[in-house]
Amino acid sequence: MKPINKRSNCIAPGVRMAVGAMLVACLGVAAAQAPRPTVARLGDLSIGQAEVEQLIQSVPEAERAALKGNRAAIDNWLRQRLASEAVLREARSKGWAERPEVKARVDAATKEITQRIISSSYLESVAQVPVDFPSDAELAAAYEQGKAGFGVPAIYRVAQIFLATPTDDPAATAKVATSAKTLAGEAQHGDFANLARTRSEDKPTAERGGEVGSLTLAQLLPEVRNAVLALKVGEVSDAVKSDTGFHIVKLLDMQPARIATLQEMTPRLQLALRQQRQQQLVQAYLSSLAPPASVTIDSAALDAALRKAP
């Protein structure tokens, strides 16, 4: 639909990608040998479909829908990634990597990363969490303790008919507004799905009889939210104006807000509890290597170092 939610071309304000550095780590840019089909290309630099799939899989499941639906942000990131790779190629072609100051920084970074990998890998080996942890009883206790924070927001299954408005043309916008008002009346008393297929100007949702999908209130455009809240299942709204046009919305179904069940929360709780236990084991091991009573700190030397630090 033209946009009543983040799955459409217009994304509701506040919906943003939460992948940050993960994108850089997971999406590689290759030269002409990149796997086919290619998703983005700049000359002989390209990003393949396999890399994009790897990116999606690396994002937490709860955030994947937002990432997959935010096409504008992904497109922008792909362009920036290709531009960054082009910068790297140009720098290398000019021998920039051979400059002494650059080599020194690379060597220092390599040493630091190597040390981190060795240390973290070893700590993982000495802080293994038992396979059977957490037990069912521990899961149940954690669920009860955090239950108040496991809310699932209300879900609204909606459909729409969308009429676009031209930019900076009040007369044309007024004409669309009149058409939208008339169409809303027809939709409230007629076959909404058929009207959506034949009259809606948002092709993807029009092909589905106007159906957008099941969304939380926050995923809807602000202009549409109040209209949806006022509807009972099966009802159709009046025409609602947004920055891009007019929306006529039908509420197909609604699931009220609720608390997630223990079964639904089990995967997340298992992960959180295992991570917590591993951190406890790591801290216990570190304390055994460097007992607090065995560590001495020269306050005077420390103060002097702090004073000299820039």
C-alpha atoms as a PDB file:
ATOM      1  CA  MET A   1       0.000   0.000   0.000  1.00  0.00           C
ATOM      2  CA  LYS A   2       1.333   3.331  -0.554  1.00  0.00           C
ATOM      3  CA  PRO A   3       2.230   3.511   2.618  1.00  0.00           C
ATOM      4  CA  ILE A   4       0.415   2.980   5.784  1.00  0.00           C
ATOM      5  CA  ASN A   5       3.196   1.005   7.284  1.00  0.00           C
ATOM      6  CA  LYS A   6       6.870   0.214   7.050  1.00  0.00           C
ATOM      7  CA  ARG A   7       6.296  -2.623   4.588  1.00  0.00           C
ATOM      8  CA  SER A   8       5.182  -0.102   2.000  1.00  0.00           C
ATOM      9  CA  ASN A   9       7.230   2.535   0.245  1.00  0.00           C
ATOM     10  CA  CYS A  10       6.554   5.101   2.978  1.00  0.00           C
ATOM     11  CA  ILE A  11       7.855   4.018   6.367  1.00  0.00           C
ATOM     12  CA  ALA A  12       6.227   5.166   9.570  1.00  0.00           C
ATOM     13  CA  PRO A  13       8.409   7.702  11.437  1.00  0.00           C
ATOM     14  CA  GLY A  14      10.467   6.119  14.173  1.00  0.00           C
ATOM     15  CA  VAL A  15      10.974   2.829  12.326  1.00  0.00           C
ATOM     16  CA  ARG A  16      14.702   2.578  11.775  1.00  0.00           C
ATOM     17  CA  MET A  17      17.233  -0.126  11.045  1.00  0.00           C
ATOM     18  CA  ALA A  18      18.923  -1.494  14.140  1.00  0.00           C
ATOM     19  CA  VAL A  19      21.752  -3.333  12.521  1.00  0.00           C
ATOM     20  CA  GLY A  20      24.580  -0.765  12.547  1.00  0.00           C
ATOM     21  CA  ALA A  21      27.962  -2.388  12.535  1.00  0.00           C
ATOM     22  CA  MET A  22      26.369  -5.773  11.891  1.00  0.00           C
ATOM     23  CA  LEU A  23      25.691  -4.635   8.329  1.00  0.00           C
ATOM     24  CA  VAL A  24      29.347  -3.841   7.792  1.00  0.00           C
ATOM     25  CA  ALA A  25      30.410  -7.167   9.218  1.00  0.00           C
ATOM     26  CA  CYS A  26      27.947  -9.326   7.341  1.00  0.00           C
ATOM     27  CA  LEU A  27      27.625  -7.754   3.891  1.00  0.00           C
ATOM     28  CA  GLY A  28      30.733  -8.216   1.777  1.00  0.00           C
ATOM     29  CA  VAL A  29      31.542  -6.469  -1.480  1.00  0.00           C
ATOM     30  CA  ALA A  30      33.256  -8.543  -4.133  1.00  0.00           C
ATOM     31  CA  ALA A  31      34.672  -7.920  -7.568  1.00  0.00           C
ATOM     32  CA  ALA A  32      33.311  -9.318 -10.815  1.00  0.00           C
ATOM     33  CA  GLN A  33      33.310 -12.870  -9.470  1.00  0.00           C
ATOM     34  CA  ALA A  34      30.451 -12.078  -7.018  1.00  0.00           C
ATOM     35  CA  PRO A  35      27.731 -14.730  -6.810  1.00  0.00           C
ATOM     36  CA  ARG A  36      24.744 -14.282  -9.071  1.00  0.00           C
ATOM     37  CA  PRO A  37      22.210 -12.788  -9.053  1.00  0.00           C
ATOM     38  CA  THR A  38      23.765  -9.468  -8.130  1.00  0.00           C
ATOM     39  CA  VAL A  39      21.812  -7.149  -5.836  1.00  0.00           C
ATOM     40  CA  ALA A  40      23.877  -3.970  -6.271  1.00  0.00           C
ATOM     41  CA  ARG A  41      26.688  -3.037  -8.636  1.00  0.00           C
ATOM     42  CA  LEU A  42      29.185  -0.228  -9.133  1.00  0.00           C
ATOM     43  CA  GLY A  43      31.344  -0.997 -12.150  1.00  0.00           C
ATOM     44  CA  ASP A  44      32.917  -4.380 -11.408  1.00  0.00           C
ATOM     45  CA  LEU A  45      32.197  -4.098  -7.685  1.00  0.00           C
ATOM     46  CA  SER A  46      29.058  -5.917  -6.628  1.00  0.00           C
ATOM     47  CA  ILE A  47      27.064  -7.244  -3.696  1.00  0.00           C
ATOM     48  CA  GLY A  48      25.475 -10.644  -4.290  1.00  0.00           C
ATOM     49  CA  GLN A  49      22.178 -12.059  -3.141  1.00  0.00           C
ATOM     50  CA  ALA A  50      23.935 -14.543  -0.869  1.00  0.00           C
ATOM     51  CA  GLU A  51      25.516 -11.704   1.125  1.00  0.00           C
ATOM     52  CA  VAL A  52      22.142 -10.025   1.594  1.00  0.00           C
ATOM     53  CA  GLU A  53      20.598 -13.299   2.763  1.00  0.00           C
ATOM     54  CA  GLN A  54      23.480 -13.720   5.209  1.00  0.00           C
ATOM     55  CA  LEU A  55      22.829 -10.237   6.532  1.00  0.00           C
ATOM     56  CA  ILE A  56      19.131 -10.931   7.122  1.00  0.00           C
ATOM     57  CA  GLN A  57      19.935 -14.159   8.954  1.00  0.00           C
ATOM     58  CA  SER A  58      22.456 -12.397  11.196  1.00  0.00           C
ATOM     59  CA  VAL A  59      19.896  -9.915  12.506  1.00  0.00           C
ATOM     60  CA  PRO A  60      17.866 -10.903  15.591  1.00  0.00           C
ATOM     61  CA  GLU A  61      14.560 -12.434  14.561  1.00  0.00           C
ATOM     62  CA  ALA A  62      12.575  -9.700  16.299  1.00  0.00           C
ATOM     63  CA  GLU A  63      14.252  -7.066  14.091  1.00  0.00           C
ATOM     64  CA  ARG A  64      14.190  -8.866  10.742  1.00  0.00           C
ATOM     65  CA  ALA A  65      10.772  -7.611   9.654  1.00  0.00           C
ATOM     66  CA  ALA A  66      11.843  -4.006  10.200  1.00  0.00           C
ATOM     67  CA  LEU A  67      15.089  -4.577   8.295  1.00  0.00           C
ATOM     68  CA  LYS A  68      13.426  -6.382   5.391  1.00  0.00           C
ATOM     69  CA  GLY A  69      10.696  -3.761   5.165  1.00  0.00           C
ATOM     70  CA  ASN A  70      13.000  -0.732   5.279  1.00  0.00           C
ATOM     71  CA  ARG A  71      13.955  -0.790   1.609  1.00  0.00           C
ATOM     72  CA  ALA A  72      14.974   2.863   1.415  1.00  0.00           C
ATOM     73  CA  ALA A  73      17.503   2.453   4.227  1.00  0.00           C
ATOM     74  CA  ILE A  74      18.887  -0.791   2.773  1.00  0.00           C
ATOM     75  CA  ASP A  75      19.226   0.787  -0.682  1.00  0.00           C
ATOM     76  CA  ASN A  76      21.057   3.743   0.837  1.00  0.00           C
ATOM     77  CA  TRP A  77      23.374   1.449   2.791  1.00  0.00           C
ATOM     78  CA  LEU A  78      24.192  -0.602  -0.310  1.00  0.00           C
ATOM     79  CA  ARG A  79      25.182   2.584  -2.150  1.00  0.00           C
ATOM     80  CA  GLN A  80      27.372   3.721   0.745  1.00  0.00           C
ATOM     81  CA  ARG A  81      28.975   0.284   1.017  1.00  0.00           C
ATOM     82  CA  LEU A  82      29.871   0.234  -2.668  1.00  0.00           C
ATOM     83  CA  ALA A  83      31.222   3.790  -2.424  1.00  0.00           C
ATOM     84  CA  SER A  84      33.375   2.777   0.566  1.00  0.00           C
ATOM     85  CA  GLU A  85      34.761  -0.176  -1.363  1.00  0.00           C
ATOM     86  CA  ALA A  86      35.545   2.127  -4.291  1.00  0.00           C
ATOM     87  CA  VAL A  87      37.481   4.406  -1.904  1.00  0.00           C
ATOM     88  CA  LEU A  88      39.441   1.415  -0.589  1.00  0.00           C
ATOM     89  CA  ARG A  89      40.295   0.279  -4.110  1.00  0.00           C
ATOM     90  CA  GLU A  90      41.521   3.741  -5.082  1.00  0.00           C
ATOM     91  CA  ALA A  91      43.635   4.042  -1.932  1.00  0.00           C
ATOM     92  CA  ARG A  92      45.253   0.681  -2.609  1.00  0.00           C
ATOM     93  CA  SER A  93      45.930   1.597  -6.236  1.00  0.00           C
ATOM     94  CA  LYS A  94      47.925   4.593  -5.003  1.00  0.00           C
ATOM     95  CA  GLY A  95      49.970   2.494  -2.600  1.00  0.00           C
ATOM     96  CA  TRP A  96      48.380   4.035   0.450  1.00  0.00           C
ATOM     97  CA  ALA A  97      48.691   0.781   2.394  1.00  0.00           C
ATOM     98  CA  GLU A  98      52.472   0.963   2.057  1.00  0.00           C
ATOM     99  CA  ARG A  99      52.814   4.302   3.829  1.00  0.00           C
ATOM    100  CA  PRO A 100      54.748   3.808   7.115  1.00  0.00           C
ATOM    101  CA  GLU A 101      52.137   5.516   9.303  1.00  0.00           C
ATOM    102  CA  VAL A 102      49.340   3.439   7.746  1.00  0.00           C
ATOM    103  CA  LYS A 103      51.334   0.215   8.144  1.00  0.00           C
ATOM    104  CA  ALA A 104      51.934   1.040  11.801  1.00  0.00           C
ATOM    105  CA  ARG A 105      48.215   1.518  12.426  1.00  0.00           C
ATOM    106  CA  VAL A 106      47.380  -1.706  10.586  1.00  0.00           C
ATOM    107  CA  ASP A 107      49.983  -3.654  12.551  1.00  0.00           C
ATOM    108  CA  ALA A 108      48.694  -2.264  15.861  1.00  0.00           C
ATOM    109  CA  ALA A 109      45.099  -3.096  14.962  1.00  0.00           C
ATOM    110  CA  THR A 110      46.079  -6.604  13.817  1.00  0.00           C
ATOM    111  CA  LYS A 111      47.939  -7.237  17.068  1.00  0.00           C
ATOM    112  CA  GLU A 112      44.999  -6.009  19.160  1.00  0.00           C
ATOM    113  CA  ILE A 113      42.453  -8.082  17.249  1.00  0.00           C
ATOM    114  CA  THR A 114      44.673 -11.168  17.399  1.00  0.00           C
ATOM    115  CA  GLN A 115      45.021 -10.831  21.150  1.00  0.00           C
ATOM    116  CA  ARG A 116      41.269 -10.396  21.572  1.00  0.00           C
ATOM    117  CA  ILE A 117      40.489 -13.467  19.480  1.00  0.00           C
ATOM    118  CA  ILE A 118      42.969 -15.632  21.372  1.00  0.00           C
ATOM    119  CA  SER A 119      41.788 -14.419  24.787  1.00  0.00           C
ATOM    120  CA  SER A 120      38.066 -14.625  24.052  1.00  0.00           C
ATOM    121  CA  SER A 121      38.394 -18.048  22.424  1.00  0.00           C
ATOM    122  CA  TYR A 122      40.303 -19.388  25.414  1.00  0.00           C
ATOM    123  CA  LEU A 123      37.820 -17.895  27.882  1.00  0.00           C
ATOM    124  CA  GLU A 124      34.973 -19.566  26.001  1.00  0.00           C
ATOM    125  CA  SER A 125      36.761 -22.897  26.357  1.00  0.00           C
ATOM    126  CA  VAL A 126      37.165 -22.570  30.135  1.00  0.00           C
ATOM    127  CA  ALA A 127      33.699 -21.123  30.711  1.00  0.00           C
ATOM    128  CA  GLN A 128      31.534 -23.742  29.023  1.00  0.00           C
ATOM    129  CA  VAL A 129      27.892 -23.631  30.118  1.00  0.00           C
ATOM    130  CA  PRO A 130      26.431 -27.104  30.780  1.00  0.00           C
ATOM    131  CA  VAL A 131      24.296 -28.382  27.914  1.00  0.00           C
ATOM    132  CA  ASP A 132      21.291 -28.943  30.167  1.00  0.00           C
ATOM    133  CA  PHE A 133      21.308 -25.372  31.520  1.00  0.00           C
ATOM    134  CA  PRO A 134      18.875 -23.792  32.203  1.00  0.00           C
ATOM    135  CA  SER A 135      16.484 -26.358  33.636  1.00  0.00           C
ATOM    136  CA  ASP A 136      12.720 -26.122  33.186  1.00  0.00           C
ATOM    137  CA  ALA A 137      12.422 -24.848  36.748  1.00  0.00           C
ATOM    138  CA  GLU A 138      15.015 -22.124  36.141  1.00  0.00           C
ATOM    139  CA  LEU A 139      13.224 -21.072  32.941  1.00  0.00           C
ATOM    140  CA  ALA A 140       9.892 -20.892  34.751  1.00  0.00           C
ATOM    141  CA  ALA A 141      11.410 -18.815  37.556  1.00  0.00           C
ATOM    142  CA  ALA A 142      13.009 -16.390  35.101  1.00  0.00           C
ATOM    143  CA  TYR A 143       9.719 -16.106  33.219  1.00  0.00           C
ATOM    144  CA  GLU A 144       7.769 -15.255  36.371  1.00  0.00           C
ATOM    145  CA  GLN A 145      10.387 -12.745  37.439  1.00  0.00           C
ATOM    146  CA  GLY A 146      10.319 -10.873  34.125  1.00  0.00           C
ATOM    147  CA  LYS A 147       6.720 -11.541  33.155  1.00  0.00           C
ATOM    148  CA  ALA A 148       5.647  -7.916  33.451  1.00  0.00           C
ATOM    149  CA  GLY A 149       8.090  -6.985  30.712  1.00  0.00           C
ATOM    150  CA  PHE A 150       7.012  -9.643  28.219  1.00  0.00           C
ATOM    151  CA  GLY A 151       4.088  -7.731  26.781  1.00  0.00           C
ATOM    152  CA  VAL A 152       2.969  -8.341  23.201  1.00  0.00           C
ATOM    153  CA  PRO A 153       1.289  -5.263  21.685  1.00  0.00           C
ATOM    154  CA  ALA A 154      -2.116  -5.362  20.056  1.00  0.00           C
ATOM    155  CA  ILE A 155      -2.004  -6.589  16.458  1.00  0.00           C
ATOM    156  CA  TYR A 156      -4.212  -5.069  13.755  1.00  0.00           C
ATOM    157  CA  ARG A 157      -4.824  -6.885  10.484  1.00  0.00           C
ATOM    158  CA  VAL A 158      -5.690  -4.134   8.040  1.00  0.00           C
ATOM    159  CA  ALA A 159      -6.444  -3.503   4.389  1.00  0.00           C
ATOM    160  CA  GLN A 160      -6.523  -0.224   2.530  1.00  0.00           C
ATOM    161  CA  ILE A 161      -7.480   1.597  -0.624  1.00  0.00           C
ATOM    162  CA  PHE A 162      -4.957   4.294  -1.470  1.00  0.00           C
ATOM    163  CA  LEU A 163      -5.273   7.351  -3.707  1.00  0.00           C
ATOM    164  CA  ALA A 164      -2.103   9.346  -4.273  1.00  0.00           C
ATOM    165  CA  THR A 165      -2.022  13.150  -4.197  1.00  0.00           C
ATOM    166  CA  PRO A 166       0.186  15.268  -6.464  1.00  0.00           C
ATOM    167  CA  THR A 167       2.906  17.458  -5.016  1.00  0.00           C
ATOM    168  CA  ASP A 168       2.258  21.200  -4.570  1.00  0.00           C
ATOM    169  CA  ASP A 169      -1.030  21.244  -6.459  1.00  0.00           C
ATOM    170  CA  PRO A 170      -3.885  22.243  -4.109  1.00  0.00           C
ATOM    171  CA  ALA A 171      -6.536  22.028  -6.822  1.00  0.00           C
ATOM    172  CA  ALA A 172      -5.527  18.515  -7.828  1.00  0.00           C
ATOM    173  CA  THR A 173      -5.304  17.471  -4.175  1.00  0.00           C
ATOM    174  CA  ALA A 174      -8.831  18.777  -3.556  1.00  0.00           C
ATOM    175  CA  LYS A 175     -10.050  16.740  -6.506  1.00  0.00           C
ATOM    176  CA  VAL A 176      -8.432  13.566  -5.107  1.00  0.00           C
ATOM    177  CA  ALA A 177      -9.956  14.344  -1.706  1.00  0.00           C
ATOM    178  CA  THR A 178     -13.428  14.438  -3.253  1.00  0.00           C
ATOM    179  CA  SER A 179     -12.796  11.136  -5.043  1.00  0.00           C
ATOM    180  CA  ALA A 180     -11.501   9.573  -1.831  1.00  0.00           C
ATOM    181  CA  LYS A 181     -14.574  10.665   0.117  1.00  0.00           C
ATOM    182  CA  THR A 182     -16.877   9.143  -2.500  1.00  0.00           C
ATOM    183  CA  LEU A 183     -14.810   5.967  -2.666  1.00  0.00           C
ATOM    184  CA  ALA A 184     -14.880   5.628   1.123  1.00  0.00           C
ATOM    185  CA  GLY A 185     -18.672   5.659   1.024  1.00  0.00           C
ATOM    186  CA  GLU A 186     -18.661   2.933  -1.615  1.00  0.00           C
ATOM    187  CA  ALA A 187     -16.181   0.857   0.386  1.00  0.00           C
ATOM    188  CA  GLN A 188     -18.246   1.147   3.574  1.00  0.00           C
ATOM    189  CA  HIS A 189     -21.279  -0.344   1.857  1.00  0.00           C
ATOM    190  CA  GLY A 190     -19.754  -2.455  -0.919  1.00  0.00           C
ATOM    191  CA  ASP A 191     -17.063  -4.995  -1.758  1.00  0.00           C
ATOM    192  CA  PHE A 192     -13.935  -3.505  -0.213  1.00  0.00           C
ATOM    193  CA  ALA A 193     -11.550  -6.100  -1.665  1.00  0.00           C
ATOM    194  CA  ASN A 194     -12.862  -5.631  -5.192  1.00  0.00           C
ATOM    195  CA  LEU A 195     -12.681  -1.840  -4.914  1.00  0.00           C
ATOM    196  CA  ALA A 196      -9.110  -2.137  -3.666  1.00  0.00           C
ATOM    197  CA  ARG A 197      -8.153  -4.328  -6.621  1.00  0.00           C
ATOM    198  CA  THR A 198      -9.668  -1.955  -9.161  1.00  0.00           C
ATOM    199  CA  ARG A 199      -9.256   1.491  -7.600  1.00  0.00           C
ATOM    200  CA  SER A 200      -6.330   1.484  -5.191  1.00  0.00           C
ATOM    201  CA  GLU A 201      -3.154   3.090  -6.512  1.00  0.00           C
ATOM    202  CA  ASP A 202      -0.814   1.039  -4.342  1.00  0.00           C
ATOM    203  CA  LYS A 203      -0.234  -1.942  -6.606  1.00  0.00           C
ATOM    204  CA  PRO A 204       1.282  -4.474  -4.131  1.00  0.00           C
ATOM    205  CA  THR A 205      -1.643  -4.261  -1.706  1.00  0.00           C
ATOM    206  CA  ALA A 206      -4.236  -3.768  -4.445  1.00  0.00           C
ATOM    207  CA  GLU A 207      -3.309  -7.187  -5.843  1.00  0.00           C
ATOM    208  CA  ARG A 208      -4.196  -8.672  -2.433  1.00  0.00           C
ATOM    209  CA  GLY A 209      -7.560  -6.975  -2.214  1.00  0.00           C
ATOM    210  CA  GLY A 210      -5.995  -4.129  -0.273  1.00  0.00           C
ATOM    211  CA  GLU A 211      -4.576  -6.290   2.504  1.00  0.00           C
ATOM    212  CA  VAL A 212      -1.489  -4.835   4.136  1.00  0.00           C
ATOM    213  CA  GLY A 213      -0.900  -7.418   6.841  1.00  0.00           C
ATOM    214  CA  SER A 214      -0.885  -7.723  10.622  1.00  0.00           C
ATOM    215  CA  LEU A 215       0.790  -4.746  12.277  1.00  0.00           C
ATOM    216  CA  THR A 216       1.255  -3.106  15.637  1.00  0.00           C
ATOM    217  CA  LEU A 217      -0.048   0.410  16.096  1.00  0.00           C
ATOM    218  CA  ALA A 218       3.503   1.784  16.010  1.00  0.00           C
ATOM    219  CA  GLN A 219       4.020   0.305  12.545  1.00  0.00           C
ATOM    220  CA  LEU A 220       1.151   2.317  11.094  1.00  0.00           C
ATOM    221  CA  LEU A 221       1.496   5.865   9.887  1.00  0.00           C
ATOM    222  CA  PRO A 222       0.532   8.318  12.646  1.00  0.00           C
ATOM    223  CA  GLU A 223      -2.298   9.690  10.505  1.00  0.00           C
ATOM    224  CA  VAL A 224      -3.841   6.221  10.203  1.00  0.00           C
ATOM    225  CA  ARG A 225      -3.547   5.114  13.831  1.00  0.00           C
ATOM    226  CA  ASN A 226      -6.541   6.975  15.252  1.00  0.00           C
ATOM    227  CA  ALA A 227      -8.716   5.806  12.361  1.00  0.00           C
ATOM    228  CA  VAL A 228      -7.778   2.180  13.018  1.00  0.00           C
ATOM    229  CA  LEU A 229      -8.366   2.531  16.765  1.00  0.00           C
ATOM    230  CA  ALA A 230     -11.873   3.819  16.100  1.00  0.00           C
ATOM    231  CA  LEU A 231     -12.826   0.826  13.946  1.00  0.00           C
ATOM    232  CA  LYS A 232     -14.475  -2.429  14.964  1.00  0.00           C
ATOM    233  CA  VAL A 233     -13.556  -5.576  13.077  1.00  0.00           C
ATOM    234  CA  GLY A 234     -15.173  -5.448   9.647  1.00  0.00           C
ATOM    235  CA  GLU A 235     -15.648  -1.662   9.605  1.00  0.00           C
ATOM    236  CA  VAL A 236     -14.195   0.752   7.053  1.00  0.00           C
ATOM    237  CA  SER A 237     -12.853   4.225   7.864  1.00  0.00           C
ATOM    238  CA  ASP A 238     -13.481   7.536   6.166  1.00  0.00           C
ATOM    239  CA  ALA A 239     -10.701   8.779   3.891  1.00  0.00           C
ATOM    240  CA  VAL A 240      -7.610   9.675   5.945  1.00  0.00           C
ATOM    241  CA  LYS A 241      -5.032  12.084   4.529  1.00  0.00           C
ATOM    242  CA  SER A 242      -1.288  11.519   4.866  1.00  0.00           C
ATOM    243  CA  ASP A 243       1.688  13.227   3.223  1.00  0.00           C
ATOM    244  CA  THR A 244       1.418  10.946   0.199  1.00  0.00           C
ATOM    245  CA  GLY A 245      -2.327  10.648  -0.343  1.00  0.00           C
ATOM    246  CA  PHE A 246      -5.608   9.373   1.052  1.00  0.00           C
ATOM    247  CA  HIS A 247      -6.096   6.040   2.820  1.00  0.00           C
ATOM    248  CA  ILE A 248      -9.380   4.222   3.247  1.00  0.00           C
ATOM    249  CA  VAL A 249      -8.747   1.544   5.852  1.00  0.00           C
ATOM    250  CA  LYS A 250     -10.632  -1.632   6.762  1.00  0.00           C
ATOM    251  CA  LEU A 251      -9.968  -3.496  10.008  1.00  0.00           C
ATOM    252  CA  LEU A 252      -9.995  -7.192   9.098  1.00  0.00           C
ATOM    253  CA  ASP A 253      -9.053  -8.574  12.508  1.00  0.00           C
ATOM    254  CA  MET A 254      -7.567  -7.491  15.828  1.00  0.00           C
ATOM    255  CA  GLN A 255      -5.670  -9.351  18.533  1.00  0.00           C
ATOM    256  CA  PRO A 256      -5.585  -7.468  21.860  1.00  0.00           C
ATOM    257  CA  ALA A 257      -2.378  -6.799  23.769  1.00  0.00           C
ATOM    258  CA  ARG A 258      -1.272  -9.674  25.981  1.00  0.00           C
ATOM    259  CA  ILE A 259       1.614 -11.191  27.917  1.00  0.00           C
ATOM    260  CA  ALA A 260       3.780 -13.614  25.935  1.00  0.00           C
ATOM    261  CA  THR A 261       3.540 -17.200  27.135  1.00  0.00           C
ATOM    262  CA  LEU A 262       6.399 -19.144  28.690  1.00  0.00           C
ATOM    263  CA  GLN A 263       6.581 -21.254  25.535  1.00  0.00           C
ATOM    264  CA  GLU A 264       6.963 -18.139  23.372  1.00  0.00           C
ATOM    265  CA  MET A 265       9.611 -16.680  25.641  1.00  0.00           C
ATOM    266  CA  THR A 266      11.617 -19.895  26.157  1.00  0.00           C
ATOM    267  CA  PRO A 267      14.137 -19.384  23.291  1.00  0.00           C
ATOM    268  CA  ARG A 268      14.941 -15.839  24.420  1.00  0.00           C
ATOM    269  CA  LEU A 269      15.119 -16.806  28.071  1.00  0.00           C
ATOM    270  CA  GLN A 270      17.383 -19.763  27.321  1.00  0.00           C
ATOM    271  CA  LEU A 271      19.774 -17.528  25.398  1.00  0.00           C
ATOM    272  CA  ALA A 272      19.757 -14.797  28.054  1.00  0.00           C
ATOM    273  CA  LEU A 273      20.275 -17.211  30.935  1.00  0.00           C
ATOM    274  CA  ARG A 274      23.077 -19.077  29.173  1.00  0.00           C
ATOM    275  CA  GLN A 275      24.831 -15.804  28.347  1.00  0.00           C
ATOM    276  CA  GLN A 276      24.438 -14.679  31.948  1.00  0.00           C
ATOM    277  CA  ARG A 277      25.829 -17.943  33.260  1.00  0.00           C
ATOM    278  CA  GLN A 278      28.781 -17.802  30.873  1.00  0.00           C
ATOM    279  CA  GLN A 279      29.619 -14.285  32.070  1.00  0.00           C
ATOM    280  CA  GLN A 280      29.507 -15.554  35.647  1.00  0.00           C
ATOM    281  CA  LEU A 281      31.870 -18.379  34.779  1.00  0.00           C
ATOM    282  CA  VAL A 282      34.208 -15.979  32.970  1.00  0.00           C
ATOM    283  CA  GLN A 283      34.299 -13.610  35.939  1.00  0.00           C
ATOM    284  CA  ALA A 284      34.942 -16.493  38.324  1.00  0.00           C
ATOM    285  CA  TYR A 285      37.830 -17.696  36.178  1.00  0.00           C
ATOM    286  CA  LEU A 286      39.339 -14.214  35.907  1.00  0.00           C
ATOM    287  CA  SER A 287      39.084 -13.804  39.663  1.00  0.00           C
ATOM    288  CA  SER A 288      40.928 -17.094  40.125  1.00  0.00           C
ATOM    289  CA  LEU A 289      43.761 -15.884  37.857  1.00  0.00           C
ATOM    290  CA  ALA A 290      43.956 -12.454  39.439  1.00  0.00           C
ATOM    291  CA  PRO A 291      42.503 -12.559  42.976  1.00  0.00           C
ATOM    292  CA  PRO A 292      41.711  -9.025  44.195  1.00  0.00           C
ATOM    293  CA  ALA A 293      43.971  -9.497  47.228  1.00  0.00           C
ATOM    294  CA  SER A 294      46.903 -10.348  44.960  1.00  0.00           C
ATOM    295  CA  VAL A 295      46.658  -7.228  42.790  1.00  0.00           C
ATOM    296  CA  THR A 296      48.547  -4.122  43.952  1.00  0.00           C
ATOM    297  CA  ILE A 297      47.977  -0.651  42.523  1.00  0.00           C
ATOM    298  CA  ASP A 298      50.473   2.179  43.028  1.00  0.00           C
ATOM    299  CA  SER A 299      48.204   5.194  43.508  1.00  0.00           C
ATOM    300  CA  ALA A 300      51.020   7.710  43.108  1.00  0.00           C
ATOM    301  CA  ALA A 301      52.150   6.200  39.813  1.00  0.00           C
ATOM    302  CA  LEU A 302      48.559   6.040  38.610  1.00  0.00           C
ATOM    303  CA  ASP A 303      47.964   9.697  39.498  1.00  0.00           C
ATOM    304  CA  ALA A 304      51.103  10.702  37.630  1.00  0.00           C
ATOM    305  CA  ALA A 305      49.983   8.785  34.546  1.00  0.00           C
ATOM    306  CA  LEU A 306      46.572  10.432  34.658  1.00  0.00           C
ATOM    307  CA  ARG A 307      48.114  13.890  34.906  1.00  0.00           C
ATOM    308  CA  LYS A 308      50.341  13.277  31.881  1.00  0.00           C
ATOM    309  CA  ALA A 309      47.564  11.798  29.779  1.00  0.00           C
ATOM    310  CA  PRO A 310      46.323  14.255  27.096  1.00  0.00           C
END
